[in-house]
Amino acid sequence: MMVKRYLFVGIALLFLVLLYVTFLKKNNPATEQITPDAYQKQMVDARRKKDNFYRTSTDSPITDKNRFTGLTYFDPSLTYRVTARLEPFADKTQKLIVRLSDGSEEVYEKYAHAVFSLDKTVCRLLIVRHEGTLSVLFKDATSGHETYGGGRYIDLEPETIADNRVVLDFNAAYNPYCAYAPDYACPLPPAENVLPVAVKAGETYKGH
């Protein structure tokens, strides 16, 4: 039986807390300044903790934990931590039918479009809300090559949104559980959320 894996619970929320607790509690991420060295350390620590969770937790999607040597990532880079301008929907009731990897569908709320520049290219991504959590489901030019072909996710904390701006940190982009265990059903990015650039940040994928 296919196990439903919802986007905004469990390890995704845990990793978000591990990664951003220092930054979110101290400053407005849209205006704060982070040194490369401090950011590198924060990312390395968060990734080490996530590996430990995957290696030891009963909620981990890794079935053969004895052979698990850790997730793989691009090196952290502040280049891929961008401030986006939000374009909220005038109609707050707009919905989106999201297809899952098992062929089923779920209804998500459309929250806003995030507009930003990456690799000298203007990009636009739809932010959705599900079960009270905001997230971006996306693909890019690395999908199916260096990263998981089914796309990656970034979760957002509502309190980091100010003056219609939000930081999109692609270093925090992560693979869904179905990348590691096909019994999970994971939301697939909408067609409009395919970026024309290669986002060499966040979690990579080499098969497990």
Protein backbone atom coordinates (compact mmCIF):
# COMPACT_ATOMS: atom_id res chain seq x y z
CA MET A 1 0.00 0.00 0.00
CA MET A 2 1.33 3.41 -0.94
CA VAL A 3 2.10 5.54 2.12
CA LYS A 4 1.17 9.19 1.81
CA ARG A 5 4.04 11.55 2.53
CA TYR A 6 2.76 15.05 3.17
CA LEU A 7 4.98 17.99 2.43
CA PHE A 8 4.90 19.95 5.64
CA VAL A 9 5.37 17.50 8.49
CA GLY A 10 8.10 15.49 10.16
CA ILE A 11 11.68 15.79 9.00
CA ALA A 12 11.10 18.75 6.68
CA LEU A 13 9.95 20.89 9.58
CA LEU A 14 12.71 19.52 11.81
CA PHE A 15 15.41 20.41 9.28
CA LEU A 16 13.95 23.87 8.79
CA VAL A 17 14.17 24.49 12.53
CA LEU A 18 17.73 23.16 12.72
CA LEU A 19 18.89 25.24 9.80
CA TYR A 20 17.32 28.58 10.56
CA VAL A 21 16.78 28.82 14.30
CA THR A 22 19.75 31.13 14.78
CA PHE A 23 18.93 33.46 11.88
CA LEU A 24 15.17 33.62 12.34
CA LYS A 25 15.23 34.34 16.03
CA LYS A 26 17.74 37.18 15.78
CA ASN A 27 16.95 39.17 12.68
CA ASN A 28 14.64 39.82 9.80
CA PRO A 29 16.14 37.49 7.14
CA ALA A 30 15.18 39.91 4.37
CA THR A 31 17.57 42.55 5.71
CA GLU A 32 20.15 40.71 7.82
CA GLN A 33 23.80 40.34 6.87
CA ILE A 34 25.38 36.91 7.26
CA THR A 35 29.10 36.26 6.95
CA PRO A 36 30.11 33.38 4.67
CA ASP A 37 32.04 31.65 7.46
CA ALA A 38 29.13 31.77 9.91
CA TYR A 39 26.73 30.59 7.24
CA GLN A 40 29.00 27.71 6.25
CA LYS A 41 29.18 26.53 9.86
CA GLN A 42 25.41 26.80 10.30
CA MET A 43 24.78 24.73 7.20
CA VAL A 44 27.33 22.06 8.07
CA ASP A 45 25.89 21.67 11.57
CA ALA A 46 22.30 21.44 10.30
CA ARG A 47 23.21 18.88 7.65
CA ARG A 48 25.08 16.75 10.18
CA LYS A 49 22.02 16.71 12.43
CA LYS A 50 19.76 15.78 9.54
CA ASP A 51 22.06 12.90 8.60
CA ASN A 52 21.89 11.66 12.17
CA PHE A 53 18.09 11.79 12.06
CA TYR A 54 18.00 9.83 8.80
CA ARG A 55 20.45 7.30 10.25
CA THR A 56 18.70 6.70 13.57
CA SER A 57 15.03 7.71 13.48
CA THR A 58 12.16 5.30 12.91
CA ASP A 59 10.58 8.10 10.85
CA SER A 60 13.49 8.10 8.41
CA PRO A 61 12.79 7.09 4.79
CA ILE A 62 16.10 5.22 4.71
CA THR A 63 15.36 1.51 4.96
CA ASP A 64 18.93 0.17 5.12
CA LYS A 65 20.36 2.44 7.77
CA ASN A 66 23.52 0.34 8.18
CA ARG A 67 24.62 1.32 4.69
CA PHE A 68 23.54 4.94 4.92
CA THR A 69 26.59 7.20 4.68
CA GLY A 70 24.80 10.54 4.64
CA LEU A 71 22.93 12.76 2.23
CA THR A 72 24.77 14.63 -0.51
CA TYR A 73 24.73 18.38 -1.07
CA PHE A 74 26.14 21.19 -3.11
CA ASP A 75 28.55 23.35 -1.13
CA PRO A 76 26.72 26.14 0.74
CA SER A 77 26.78 29.43 -1.14
CA LEU A 78 25.20 32.75 -0.28
CA THR A 79 24.76 33.30 -4.01
CA TYR A 80 21.74 31.03 -3.79
CA ARG A 81 20.22 32.84 -0.84
CA VAL A 82 18.10 35.49 -2.51
CA THR A 83 15.54 38.05 -1.45
CA ALA A 84 12.33 37.69 -3.46
CA ARG A 85 9.55 40.19 -4.03
CA LEU A 86 6.14 38.71 -3.38
CA GLU A 87 3.14 39.16 -5.63
CA PRO A 88 0.18 38.08 -3.46
CA PHE A 89 -3.07 36.95 -5.03
CA ALA A 90 -5.91 39.43 -4.81
CA ASP A 91 -8.26 36.48 -4.46
CA LYS A 92 -7.11 34.71 -1.29
CA THR A 93 -9.25 31.66 -2.03
CA GLN A 94 -7.40 30.47 -5.14
CA LYS A 95 -6.60 26.76 -5.08
CA LEU A 96 -4.14 24.54 -6.90
CA ILE A 97 -4.57 20.85 -7.67
CA VAL A 98 -1.23 19.23 -6.92
CA ARG A 99 -0.45 15.82 -8.35
CA LEU A 100 1.39 13.31 -6.15
CA SER A 101 3.98 10.78 -7.26
CA ASP A 102 1.49 7.92 -6.87
CA GLY A 103 -0.97 9.54 -9.28
CA SER A 104 -3.32 10.89 -6.62
CA GLU A 105 -4.10 14.58 -6.14
CA GLU A 106 -4.40 17.09 -3.31
CA VAL A 107 -5.71 20.62 -3.04
CA TYR A 108 -3.28 23.37 -2.03
CA GLU A 109 -3.80 27.09 -1.50
CA LYS A 110 -2.05 29.57 -3.78
CA TYR A 111 -0.27 32.06 -1.53
CA ALA A 112 1.85 34.31 -3.78
CA HIS A 113 4.40 34.40 -6.56
CA ALA A 114 8.00 35.05 -5.57
CA VAL A 115 9.99 37.10 -8.10
CA PHE A 116 13.78 37.20 -7.85
CA SER A 117 16.99 37.18 -9.85
CA LEU A 118 19.29 34.18 -10.06
CA ASP A 119 22.26 33.77 -12.38
CA LYS A 120 21.32 37.10 -14.03
CA THR A 121 17.90 35.64 -14.88
CA VAL A 122 14.58 36.90 -13.57
CA CYS A 123 12.75 33.95 -12.04
CA ARG A 124 9.23 33.44 -10.72
CA LEU A 125 8.00 30.70 -8.43
CA LEU A 126 4.58 29.95 -6.97
CA ILE A 127 4.42 29.67 -3.18
CA VAL A 128 1.72 27.34 -1.92
CA ARG A 129 0.21 26.71 1.49
CA HIS A 130 -0.82 23.33 2.84
CA GLU A 131 -1.77 22.46 6.40
CA GLY A 132 -0.69 25.93 7.52
CA THR A 133 2.82 25.78 6.08
CA LEU A 134 4.21 27.73 3.15
CA SER A 135 6.40 26.00 0.62
CA VAL A 136 7.92 26.14 -2.84
CA LEU A 137 7.90 22.99 -4.97
CA PHE A 138 10.31 23.45 -7.87
CA LYS A 139 12.48 21.95 -10.58
CA ASP A 140 15.48 23.49 -12.30
CA ALA A 141 18.12 22.65 -14.89
CA THR A 142 19.80 20.20 -12.48
CA SER A 143 16.63 18.11 -11.98
CA GLY A 144 17.09 14.55 -13.18
CA HIS A 145 20.85 15.06 -13.43
CA GLU A 146 22.56 16.30 -10.29
CA THR A 147 19.35 16.52 -8.28
CA TYR A 148 16.21 14.42 -7.85
CA GLY A 149 14.13 14.31 -11.02
CA GLY A 150 10.87 14.66 -9.11
CA GLY A 151 11.85 18.11 -7.88
CA ARG A 152 12.86 19.63 -4.57
CA TYR A 153 11.15 21.68 -1.87
CA ILE A 154 11.86 24.78 0.20
CA ASP A 155 9.70 25.47 3.26
CA LEU A 156 9.16 29.02 4.51
CA GLU A 157 8.40 30.43 7.93
CA PRO A 158 5.51 32.98 7.77
CA GLU A 159 7.21 35.26 10.30
CA THR A 160 10.13 35.79 7.92
CA ILE A 161 7.85 37.53 5.41
CA ALA A 162 7.88 41.32 5.74
CA ASP A 163 6.91 44.15 3.38
CA ASN A 164 6.06 41.59 0.68
CA ARG A 165 9.59 40.23 0.72
CA VAL A 166 10.96 36.85 1.72
CA VAL A 167 14.34 35.13 1.59
CA LEU A 168 14.46 32.04 -0.60
CA ASP A 169 17.43 29.98 0.51
CA PHE A 170 18.07 27.32 -2.11
CA ASN A 171 20.82 25.91 0.09
CA ALA A 172 17.92 24.56 2.14
CA ALA A 173 16.28 22.84 -0.86
CA TYR A 174 15.60 19.22 0.06
CA ASN A 175 14.44 16.02 -1.59
CA PRO A 176 11.06 14.49 -0.75
CA TYR A 177 10.94 11.15 1.01
CA CYS A 178 10.00 9.35 -2.22
CA ALA A 179 13.51 10.06 -3.51
CA TYR A 180 14.72 7.49 -1.00
CA ALA A 181 11.71 5.23 -0.55
CA PRO A 182 9.20 4.67 -3.41
CA ASP A 183 6.44 3.69 -0.97
CA TYR A 184 5.96 7.36 -0.15
CA ALA A 185 3.70 9.60 -2.23
CA CYS A 186 5.13 13.10 -2.66
CA PRO A 187 3.75 16.30 -4.18
CA LEU A 188 5.15 17.15 -7.61
CA PRO A 189 6.05 20.73 -8.59
CA PRO A 190 3.47 22.55 -10.73
CA ALA A 191 4.42 23.14 -14.36
CA GLU A 192 5.03 26.85 -13.76
CA ASN A 193 7.68 26.11 -11.13
CA VAL A 194 10.37 24.88 -13.51
CA LEU A 195 13.29 27.29 -13.36
CA PRO A 196 15.35 27.94 -16.51
CA VAL A 197 18.59 28.08 -14.51
CA ALA A 198 20.69 25.46 -12.76
CA VAL A 199 20.27 25.79 -9.01
CA LYS A 200 23.51 24.27 -7.75
CA ALA A 201 22.50 24.54 -4.10
CA GLY A 202 20.83 22.33 -1.55
CA GLU A 203 20.41 18.58 -1.59
CA THR A 204 21.73 16.57 -4.53
CA TYR A 205 20.77 13.04 -5.53
CA LYS A 206 22.87 10.05 -6.52
CA GLY A 207 20.44 7.28 -5.65
CA HIS A 208 20.32 5.41 -2.35
